[in-house]
């Protein structure tokens, strides 16, 4: 990815004032300009807009910047130079914030997830996020293979699998931490969990970097960003924590906006040798859960990011290149959250349809939802096999509960078992499965 072109100077010269005033008096121009402001186009996008064929693109940029700089929200993270940021609450941003307030906190969408299936949806979401967040950072594996590792409780075979397992365990640990204030100890605890056994130098786990021999590169290896001097990290992270813990009474910033800024800042400060992106996304989830946006726990943000990595990188670079204007990154993240929410709704609707398709299995006496899904798995894939541990992980239930579920299906004659390895029991579809099912559902 090429580094985006830096915007031209935005200062309006005296001999340009009359020309600009004439444009602003034109109703057609004002309507087109309103769309530009709402979409918050970067310079390289704006100069290719159709309206730029009717007006000098640099003049259009100066008009755009004048409006953006008229009343932005200012975030002074630190007294250190280069850490004052700004953003604008455009109509698009306000509309999305309102939408998420209504939906992600559960007020209107409180019943989006069937009560008896929350555990299963949650464990699937955590797996998706753990896998995708690791893949963004370079983990090489398939979703199905990674899910199989997590469900079966298999030990990781390489660094990619270790990254995924670390992410999975970290995300599960986050919710119990939501009542804590954010401090360096908590951040380092999160990083330790994320980085375990994945770094070239294990001594860097849970520690801020102590050198400047690090840069941010794109997928082709081009350097796109040089993080701050490591000597500034401790102060910057203290300032970061102060910003995260700031009360609404001191200064109200919409929780979604603050969470997005926290996400951005970890990438911008780059406090660790590796694992910054995964730490940033973990803190993003932590903050929103701490502010009662409970549905975010069921959404995989990273699954969307991995399909738009170029836009993700550009959102960072646009902010840096255009006077630390966070609006670009906020816009990107809000679109990402919106897509993740829509994906969740589609996933739930598909699962509801699957449940309807399972209707005949419900007739079987004394059978529960988990057992119905086990039957669905072996009905769809006659070669499907599993252990008690895998069923425990798949449904996020106790080992004894999973064992009883399986034993009951075995007593009905629907499952058979064999041993594998060190006396590990493996269950699979019985040879008389079809005949027994037909008798049970009559």
Protein backbone atom coordinates (compact mmCIF):
# COMPACT_ATOMS: atom_id res chain seq x y z
CA UNK A 1 0.00 0.00 0.00
CA UNK A 2 1.35 3.41 -0.97
CA UNK A 3 1.39 6.07 1.72
CA UNK A 4 -1.49 8.45 0.90
CA UNK A 5 -0.67 11.85 -0.54
CA UNK A 6 -0.34 14.49 2.16
CA UNK A 7 -3.06 17.18 1.88
CA UNK A 8 -2.14 20.64 0.59
CA UNK A 9 -2.05 23.68 2.86
CA UNK A 10 -5.50 24.75 3.98
CA UNK A 11 -4.85 28.43 4.73
CA UNK A 12 -7.05 30.69 2.60
CA UNK A 13 -5.21 33.51 0.81
CA UNK A 14 -6.68 37.01 0.56
CA UNK A 15 -7.12 36.76 -3.21
CA UNK A 16 -9.18 33.57 -2.82
CA UNK A 17 -11.84 34.93 -0.47
CA UNK A 18 -14.21 36.34 -3.13
CA UNK A 19 -14.07 33.13 -5.18
CA UNK A 20 -14.87 31.04 -2.11
CA UNK A 21 -17.76 33.32 -1.09
CA UNK A 22 -19.28 32.96 -4.55
CA UNK A 23 -19.21 29.18 -4.25
CA UNK A 24 -20.79 29.27 -0.82
CA UNK A 25 -23.67 31.40 -2.14
CA UNK A 26 -24.43 28.74 -4.77
CA UNK A 27 -27.19 26.35 -3.61
CA UNK A 28 -26.04 23.47 -5.85
CA UNK A 29 -22.52 23.74 -4.47
CA UNK A 30 -23.76 23.84 -0.88
CA UNK A 31 -25.74 20.62 -1.38
CA UNK A 32 -22.73 18.82 -2.88
CA UNK A 33 -20.49 20.18 -0.17
CA UNK A 34 -22.84 18.94 2.56
CA UNK A 35 -22.39 15.41 1.21
CA UNK A 36 -18.59 15.84 1.20
CA UNK A 37 -18.63 16.95 4.83
CA UNK A 38 -20.87 14.09 5.94
CA UNK A 39 -18.78 11.45 4.16
CA UNK A 40 -15.59 13.08 5.46
CA UNK A 41 -13.47 12.44 2.39
CA UNK A 42 -9.70 12.55 2.60
CA UNK A 43 -7.80 14.81 0.20
CA UNK A 44 -6.89 12.04 -2.28
CA UNK A 45 -10.59 11.06 -2.49
CA UNK A 46 -12.00 14.57 -2.52
CA UNK A 47 -9.87 15.82 -5.41
CA UNK A 48 -11.33 13.14 -7.69
CA UNK A 49 -14.96 13.94 -6.88
CA UNK A 50 -17.12 15.19 -9.75
CA UNK A 51 -17.49 18.56 -8.03
CA UNK A 52 -13.70 18.97 -8.26
CA UNK A 53 -14.08 19.25 -12.04
CA UNK A 54 -16.05 22.45 -11.50
CA UNK A 55 -13.82 23.98 -8.83
CA UNK A 56 -10.09 23.95 -8.19
CA UNK A 57 -9.59 20.91 -5.90
CA UNK A 58 -7.25 22.87 -3.63
CA UNK A 59 -9.87 25.60 -3.18
CA UNK A 60 -12.45 22.90 -2.40
CA UNK A 61 -10.04 21.43 0.16
CA UNK A 62 -9.59 24.83 1.80
CA UNK A 63 -13.37 25.26 2.10
CA UNK A 64 -13.63 21.74 3.51
CA UNK A 65 -10.88 22.31 6.07
CA UNK A 66 -12.35 25.66 7.12
CA UNK A 67 -15.62 23.98 8.01
CA UNK A 68 -13.94 21.04 9.74
CA UNK A 69 -11.77 23.36 11.82
CA UNK A 70 -14.60 25.69 12.80
CA UNK A 71 -15.75 23.76 15.90
CA UNK A 72 -14.07 20.36 16.29
CA UNK A 73 -13.93 18.37 19.51
CA UNK A 74 -10.38 18.58 20.92
CA UNK A 75 -8.62 15.68 22.65
CA UNK A 76 -5.36 16.68 24.30
CA UNK A 77 -4.05 13.32 25.39
CA UNK A 78 -0.72 14.52 26.71
CA UNK A 79 1.46 17.57 27.23
CA UNK A 80 3.98 15.87 24.95
CA UNK A 81 4.18 17.35 21.46
CA UNK A 82 2.12 15.63 18.78
CA UNK A 83 -0.59 14.24 21.02
CA UNK A 84 -3.39 16.72 20.54
CA UNK A 85 -6.18 15.25 18.41
CA UNK A 86 -9.54 16.42 17.11
CA UNK A 87 -12.70 15.02 15.59
CA UNK A 88 -16.02 16.23 14.21
CA UNK A 89 -19.46 14.86 15.03
CA UNK A 90 -20.91 14.69 11.53
CA UNK A 91 -24.58 13.80 10.87
CA UNK A 92 -23.43 10.30 9.86
CA UNK A 93 -21.56 9.80 13.13
CA UNK A 94 -24.44 11.09 15.24
CA UNK A 95 -26.88 8.80 13.43
CA UNK A 96 -24.69 5.74 14.01
CA UNK A 97 -24.12 6.57 17.68
CA UNK A 98 -27.87 6.85 18.19
CA UNK A 99 -28.41 3.54 16.38
CA UNK A 100 -25.84 1.76 18.54
CA UNK A 101 -27.20 3.28 21.75
CA UNK A 102 -30.59 1.81 20.91
CA UNK A 103 -29.32 -1.60 19.82
CA UNK A 104 -26.02 -2.63 21.34
CA UNK A 105 -27.12 -1.91 24.89
CA UNK A 106 -30.11 -4.17 24.46
CA UNK A 107 -32.92 -1.66 24.88
CA UNK A 108 -34.57 -2.43 21.56
CA UNK A 109 -32.59 -5.52 20.52
CA UNK A 110 -32.62 -7.17 23.94
CA UNK A 111 -34.30 -10.26 22.53
CA UNK A 112 -32.08 -10.55 19.45
CA UNK A 113 -30.31 -13.56 21.00
CA UNK A 114 -32.54 -16.38 22.25
CA UNK A 115 -32.06 -16.66 26.01
CA UNK A 116 -31.37 -20.39 26.01
CA UNK A 117 -28.66 -20.06 23.35
CA UNK A 118 -26.63 -17.10 24.61
CA UNK A 119 -23.77 -19.31 25.80
CA UNK A 120 -23.44 -21.01 22.44
CA UNK A 121 -23.56 -17.74 20.48
CA UNK A 122 -21.04 -16.19 22.84
CA UNK A 123 -18.51 -18.99 22.51
CA UNK A 124 -18.83 -18.89 18.71
CA UNK A 125 -18.31 -15.11 18.72
CA UNK A 126 -15.24 -15.36 20.96
CA UNK A 127 -13.77 -17.99 18.64
CA UNK A 128 -14.44 -15.84 15.56
CA UNK A 129 -12.87 -12.75 17.16
CA UNK A 130 -9.85 -14.67 18.47
CA UNK A 131 -9.14 -16.18 15.06
CA UNK A 132 -9.72 -13.03 12.98
CA UNK A 133 -7.80 -10.73 15.35
CA UNK A 134 -4.82 -13.09 15.13
CA UNK A 135 -5.09 -13.37 11.34
CA UNK A 136 -4.92 -9.57 11.07
CA UNK A 137 -1.55 -9.79 12.85
CA UNK A 138 -0.26 -12.54 10.57
CA UNK A 139 -1.55 -15.84 11.98
CA UNK A 140 -1.79 -18.40 9.16
CA UNK A 141 -4.58 -20.94 9.50
CA UNK A 142 -8.16 -21.58 8.41
CA UNK A 143 -11.19 -20.73 10.51
CA UNK A 144 -12.40 -24.32 10.68
CA UNK A 145 -9.01 -25.73 11.65
CA UNK A 146 -8.58 -23.07 14.34
CA UNK A 147 -12.09 -23.66 15.70
CA UNK A 148 -11.40 -27.38 15.82
CA UNK A 149 -8.30 -26.72 17.95
CA UNK A 150 -10.28 -24.56 20.39
CA UNK A 151 -13.23 -26.95 20.63
CA UNK A 152 -11.09 -30.01 21.17
CA UNK A 153 -8.78 -28.25 23.61
CA UNK A 154 -5.81 -29.34 21.52
CA UNK A 155 -2.42 -27.80 22.30
CA UNK A 156 -1.15 -25.28 19.70
CA UNK A 157 1.31 -26.70 17.19
CA UNK A 158 2.84 -23.39 16.05
CA UNK A 159 2.93 -19.66 16.77
CA UNK A 160 -0.19 -18.96 14.66
CA UNK A 161 -2.23 -21.39 16.73
CA UNK A 162 -0.70 -20.05 19.95
CA UNK A 163 -1.75 -16.50 18.96
CA UNK A 164 -5.31 -17.70 18.44
CA UNK A 165 -5.44 -19.61 21.72
CA UNK A 166 -4.00 -16.58 23.56
CA UNK A 167 -6.61 -14.30 22.01
CA UNK A 168 -9.38 -16.74 22.87
CA UNK A 169 -8.30 -16.94 26.51
CA UNK A 170 -7.79 -13.17 26.74
CA UNK A 171 -11.25 -12.32 25.41
CA UNK A 172 -12.82 -14.70 27.92
CA UNK A 173 -10.89 -12.96 30.72
CA UNK A 174 -11.99 -9.45 29.76
CA UNK A 175 -15.56 -9.43 31.07
CA UNK A 176 -14.61 -10.10 34.74
CA UNK A 177 -12.29 -7.07 34.49
CA UNK A 178 -14.88 -4.50 33.40
CA UNK A 179 -15.33 -3.01 36.87
CA UNK A 180 -11.62 -2.29 37.20
CA UNK A 181 -10.06 1.05 36.32
CA UNK A 182 -7.61 0.89 33.47
CA UNK A 183 -3.98 1.20 34.54
CA UNK A 184 -0.61 0.00 33.28
CA UNK A 185 -0.85 -3.12 35.40
CA UNK A 186 -4.09 -4.16 33.70
CA UNK A 187 -2.79 -3.28 30.22
CA UNK A 188 0.37 -5.32 30.80
CA UNK A 189 -1.74 -8.20 32.14
CA UNK A 190 -3.77 -8.17 28.91
CA UNK A 191 -0.60 -8.04 26.80
CA UNK A 192 0.98 -10.91 28.76
CA UNK A 193 -2.08 -13.03 28.04
CA UNK A 194 -2.06 -12.06 24.35
CA UNK A 195 1.68 -12.46 23.75
CA UNK A 196 2.39 -15.65 25.72
CA UNK A 197 4.86 -17.91 23.85
CA UNK A 198 4.57 -15.93 20.59
CA UNK A 199 7.44 -13.41 20.80
CA UNK A 200 11.02 -13.95 19.64
CA UNK A 201 12.15 -12.67 23.03
CA UNK A 202 9.80 -13.94 25.77
CA UNK A 203 11.07 -11.22 28.12
CA UNK A 204 9.02 -8.71 26.09
CA UNK A 205 5.76 -10.32 27.22
CA UNK A 206 3.81 -7.87 29.37
CA UNK A 207 6.44 -5.13 29.05
CA UNK A 208 6.52 -1.81 27.23
CA UNK A 209 9.15 -1.70 24.49
CA UNK A 210 12.57 -0.44 25.52
CA UNK A 211 13.97 0.52 22.10
CA UNK A 212 13.08 2.39 18.91
CA UNK A 213 14.03 -0.41 16.51
CA UNK A 214 10.40 -0.83 15.49
CA UNK A 215 8.21 0.57 12.74
CA UNK A 216 4.77 -0.12 11.31
CA UNK A 217 4.84 -1.74 7.88
CA UNK A 218 2.15 -2.61 5.36
CA UNK A 219 1.55 -6.04 3.81
CA UNK A 220 4.35 -5.46 1.29
CA UNK A 221 6.90 -4.46 3.94
CA UNK A 222 6.84 -0.72 3.27
CA UNK A 223 7.32 1.43 6.38
CA UNK A 224 4.20 3.54 6.87
CA UNK A 225 4.65 4.83 10.41
CA UNK A 226 7.35 5.42 13.03
CA UNK A 227 5.98 5.21 16.60
CA UNK A 228 6.99 7.65 19.37
CA UNK A 229 10.31 7.38 21.19
CA UNK A 230 10.22 4.53 23.70
CA UNK A 231 11.29 6.96 26.45
CA UNK A 232 7.87 8.63 26.16
CA UNK A 233 5.83 5.44 26.42
CA UNK A 234 5.42 5.30 30.19
CA UNK A 235 4.06 8.86 30.35
CA UNK A 236 1.89 8.35 27.28
CA UNK A 237 0.36 5.19 28.71
CA UNK A 238 -0.35 6.97 32.01
CA UNK A 239 -2.09 9.70 29.97
CA UNK A 240 -3.89 6.97 28.01
CA UNK A 241 -5.24 5.46 31.24
CA UNK A 242 -6.33 8.88 32.52
CA UNK A 243 -8.27 9.38 29.29
CA UNK A 244 -9.89 5.93 29.59
CA UNK A 245 -10.91 6.52 33.22
CA UNK A 246 -12.10 10.11 32.78
CA UNK A 247 -15.61 10.58 34.19
CA UNK A 248 -18.54 11.89 32.17
CA UNK A 249 -18.87 14.71 34.69
CA UNK A 250 -15.34 15.89 33.91
CA UNK A 251 -15.89 15.75 30.14
CA UNK A 252 -18.53 13.81 28.27
CA UNK A 253 -17.34 11.91 25.24
CA UNK A 254 -19.73 9.36 23.81
CA UNK A 255 -18.60 5.89 25.04
CA UNK A 256 -18.44 4.54 21.50
CA UNK A 257 -16.21 7.44 20.44
CA UNK A 258 -13.97 7.04 23.49
CA UNK A 259 -13.62 3.28 22.85
CA UNK A 260 -12.64 3.94 19.23
CA UNK A 261 -10.07 6.56 20.29
CA UNK A 262 -8.59 4.10 22.80
CA UNK A 263 -8.30 1.55 19.98
CA UNK A 264 -6.56 4.12 17.79
CA UNK A 265 -4.15 5.29 20.47
CA UNK A 266 -2.68 1.86 21.21
CA UNK A 267 -1.79 1.54 17.53
CA UNK A 268 -0.49 5.11 17.44
CA UNK A 269 1.64 4.90 20.60
CA UNK A 270 2.69 1.32 19.76
CA UNK A 271 3.81 0.58 23.32
CA UNK A 272 4.78 -3.06 22.68
CA UNK A 273 7.30 -4.85 20.51
CA UNK A 274 4.42 -6.94 19.10
CA UNK A 275 0.75 -7.56 19.83
CA UNK A 276 -0.33 -3.90 19.72
CA UNK A 277 -3.29 -4.51 17.42
CA UNK A 278 -4.63 -7.41 19.47
CA UNK A 279 -4.19 -5.41 22.67
CA UNK A 280 -5.97 -2.42 21.11
CA UNK A 281 -8.97 -4.51 20.09
CA UNK A 282 -9.11 -6.20 23.51
CA UNK A 283 -9.19 -2.81 25.26
CA UNK A 284 -11.86 -1.64 22.80
CA UNK A 285 -14.08 -4.57 23.85
CA UNK A 286 -13.22 -4.08 27.53
CA UNK A 287 -14.26 -0.43 27.47
CA UNK A 288 -17.59 -0.94 25.68
CA UNK A 289 -18.51 -3.84 27.96
CA UNK A 290 -17.67 -1.64 30.94
CA UNK A 291 -20.20 0.87 29.58
CA UNK A 292 -22.96 -1.73 29.23
CA UNK A 293 -22.84 -2.24 25.46
CA UNK A 294 -23.31 -5.93 26.18
CA UNK A 295 -24.14 -7.01 22.63
CA UNK A 296 -20.62 -6.09 21.47
CA UNK A 297 -19.48 -9.29 23.20
CA UNK A 298 -21.36 -11.30 20.56
CA UNK A 299 -19.88 -9.42 17.60
CA UNK A 300 -16.58 -10.08 15.82
CA UNK A 301 -15.16 -6.69 14.85
CA UNK A 302 -11.92 -8.25 13.61
CA UNK A 303 -13.80 -10.46 11.13
CA UNK A 304 -14.84 -7.23 9.37
CA UNK A 305 -11.41 -5.58 9.71
CA UNK A 306 -9.63 -8.54 8.14
CA UNK A 307 -11.73 -8.07 5.00
CA UNK A 308 -10.87 -4.35 4.84
CA UNK A 309 -7.27 -4.19 6.06
CA UNK A 310 -6.28 -1.52 3.53
CA UNK A 311 -9.07 0.78 4.72
CA UNK A 312 -8.09 0.03 8.33
CA UNK A 313 -4.50 1.11 7.64
CA UNK A 314 -5.63 4.16 5.67
CA UNK A 315 -7.87 5.30 8.52
CA UNK A 316 -4.78 5.45 10.74
CA UNK A 317 -2.69 7.21 8.09
CA UNK A 318 -5.38 9.74 7.13
CA UNK A 319 -5.59 10.76 10.78
CA UNK A 320 -1.83 11.18 11.09
CA UNK A 321 -1.40 13.02 7.77
CA UNK A 322 -4.35 15.38 8.25
CA UNK A 323 -3.57 17.22 11.48
CA UNK A 324 -4.39 14.31 13.82
CA UNK A 325 -8.04 14.34 12.72
CA UNK A 326 -9.55 11.23 14.32
CA UNK A 327 -12.79 11.52 12.34
CA UNK A 328 -11.38 9.28 9.61
CA UNK A 329 -10.70 6.46 12.07
CA UNK A 330 -14.00 6.99 13.88
CA UNK A 331 -15.88 6.75 10.57
CA UNK A 332 -14.10 3.52 9.66
CA UNK A 333 -14.76 1.91 13.03
CA UNK A 334 -18.44 2.87 13.08
CA UNK A 335 -18.89 1.29 9.65
CA UNK A 336 -17.07 -1.80 10.91
CA UNK A 337 -19.27 -2.08 14.01
CA UNK A 338 -22.38 -1.63 11.86
CA UNK A 339 -21.33 -4.46 9.54
CA UNK A 340 -20.48 -6.69 12.51
CA UNK A 341 -23.92 -6.02 14.01
CA UNK A 342 -25.63 -6.86 10.71
CA UNK A 343 -23.56 -10.05 10.45
CA UNK A 344 -24.66 -11.02 13.96
CA UNK A 345 -28.32 -10.57 13.02
CA UNK A 346 -27.85 -12.67 9.88
CA UNK A 347 -26.08 -15.37 11.87
CA UNK A 348 -28.87 -15.48 14.45
CA UNK A 349 -31.56 -15.60 11.77
CA UNK A 350 -29.74 -18.51 10.11
CA UNK A 351 -29.52 -20.33 13.44
CA UNK A 352 -33.21 -19.75 14.09
CA UNK A 353 -33.97 -21.29 10.69
CA UNK A 354 -31.72 -24.23 11.58
CA UNK A 355 -33.73 -24.72 14.76
CA UNK A 356 -36.92 -24.89 12.72
CA UNK A 357 -35.26 -27.53 10.57
CA UNK A 358 -34.49 -29.51 13.72
CA UNK A 359 -38.15 -29.75 14.68
CA UNK A 360 -38.40 -33.53 14.25
CA UNK A 361 -35.53 -34.14 16.67
CA UNK A 362 -37.44 -32.26 19.37
CA UNK A 363 -40.02 -35.01 19.51
CA UNK A 364 -37.48 -37.37 21.05
CA UNK A 365 -38.31 -37.83 24.73
CA UNK A 366 -36.22 -35.93 27.32
CA UNK A 367 -33.84 -34.44 24.77
CA UNK A 368 -32.36 -30.95 25.25
CA UNK A 369 -31.12 -28.23 22.87
CA UNK A 370 -27.48 -29.30 23.06
CA UNK A 371 -28.35 -32.89 22.22
CA UNK A 372 -30.47 -31.72 19.30
CA UNK A 373 -27.47 -29.88 17.88
CA UNK A 374 -25.24 -32.93 18.37
CA UNK A 375 -27.78 -34.96 16.38
CA UNK A 376 -27.80 -32.25 13.71
CA UNK A 377 -24.00 -32.41 13.44
CA UNK A 378 -23.93 -36.18 12.92
CA UNK A 379 -27.03 -36.06 10.69
CA UNK A 380 -25.36 -33.53 8.35
CA UNK A 381 -21.94 -35.21 8.49
CA UNK A 382 -22.08 -38.99 9.06
CA UNK A 383 -18.28 -39.00 9.62
CA UNK A 384 -18.44 -36.39 12.38
CA UNK A 385 -16.73 -37.54 15.60
CA UNK A 386 -16.09 -35.76 18.89
CA UNK A 387 -14.95 -36.05 22.48
CA UNK A 388 -16.71 -34.96 25.66
CA UNK A 389 -14.19 -32.12 25.94
CA UNK A 390 -15.07 -30.85 22.48
CA UNK A 391 -18.80 -30.79 23.29
CA UNK A 392 -18.01 -29.02 26.56
CA UNK A 393 -16.08 -26.31 24.69
CA UNK A 394 -18.55 -26.05 21.83
CA UNK A 395 -21.50 -25.34 24.14
CA UNK A 396 -19.55 -23.59 26.91
CA UNK A 397 -20.93 -25.95 29.53
CA UNK A 398 -19.56 -28.08 32.37
CA UNK A 399 -17.71 -31.30 31.56
CA UNK A 400 -20.21 -33.39 33.52
CA UNK A 401 -23.14 -31.80 31.66
CA UNK A 402 -21.53 -32.61 28.31
CA UNK A 403 -20.81 -36.17 29.46
CA UNK A 404 -24.44 -36.75 30.50
CA UNK A 405 -25.71 -35.32 27.20
CA UNK A 406 -23.57 -37.79 25.26
CA UNK A 407 -24.29 -40.81 27.47
CA UNK A 408 -28.05 -40.31 27.02
CA UNK A 409 -27.68 -40.27 23.23
CA UNK A 410 -25.48 -43.36 23.48
CA UNK A 411 -28.16 -45.16 25.53
CA UNK A 412 -30.69 -44.35 22.82
CA UNK A 413 -28.40 -46.13 20.37
CA UNK A 414 -27.64 -42.98 18.37
CA UNK A 415 -23.95 -42.87 19.26
CA UNK A 416 -21.13 -45.37 19.47
CA UNK A 417 -17.68 -44.87 20.96
CA UNK A 418 -14.10 -45.96 20.59
CA UNK A 419 -10.81 -45.08 22.25
CA UNK A 420 -8.06 -42.94 20.79
CA UNK A 421 -4.59 -42.23 22.12
CA UNK A 422 -4.33 -42.44 25.90
CA UNK A 423 -7.76 -44.01 26.47
CA UNK A 424 -9.54 -40.89 25.17
CA UNK A 425 -13.16 -41.67 24.29
CA UNK A 426 -14.28 -40.60 20.84
CA UNK A 427 -17.98 -40.70 19.92
CA UNK A 428 -19.46 -41.04 16.46
CA UNK A 429 -22.71 -41.80 14.65
CA UNK A 430 -24.01 -45.32 15.24
CA UNK A 431 -24.56 -47.71 12.34
CA UNK A 432 -28.29 -47.90 13.16
CA UNK A 433 -28.67 -44.10 13.52
CA UNK A 434 -31.24 -43.64 10.73
CA UNK A 435 -33.42 -46.57 11.83
CA UNK A 436 -33.44 -45.48 15.47
CA UNK A 437 -34.20 -41.82 14.60
CA UNK A 438 -37.20 -42.85 12.51
CA UNK A 439 -38.58 -44.89 15.42
CA UNK A 440 -37.98 -42.11 17.97
CA UNK A 441 -39.72 -39.34 16.00
CA UNK A 442 -42.79 -41.32 14.99
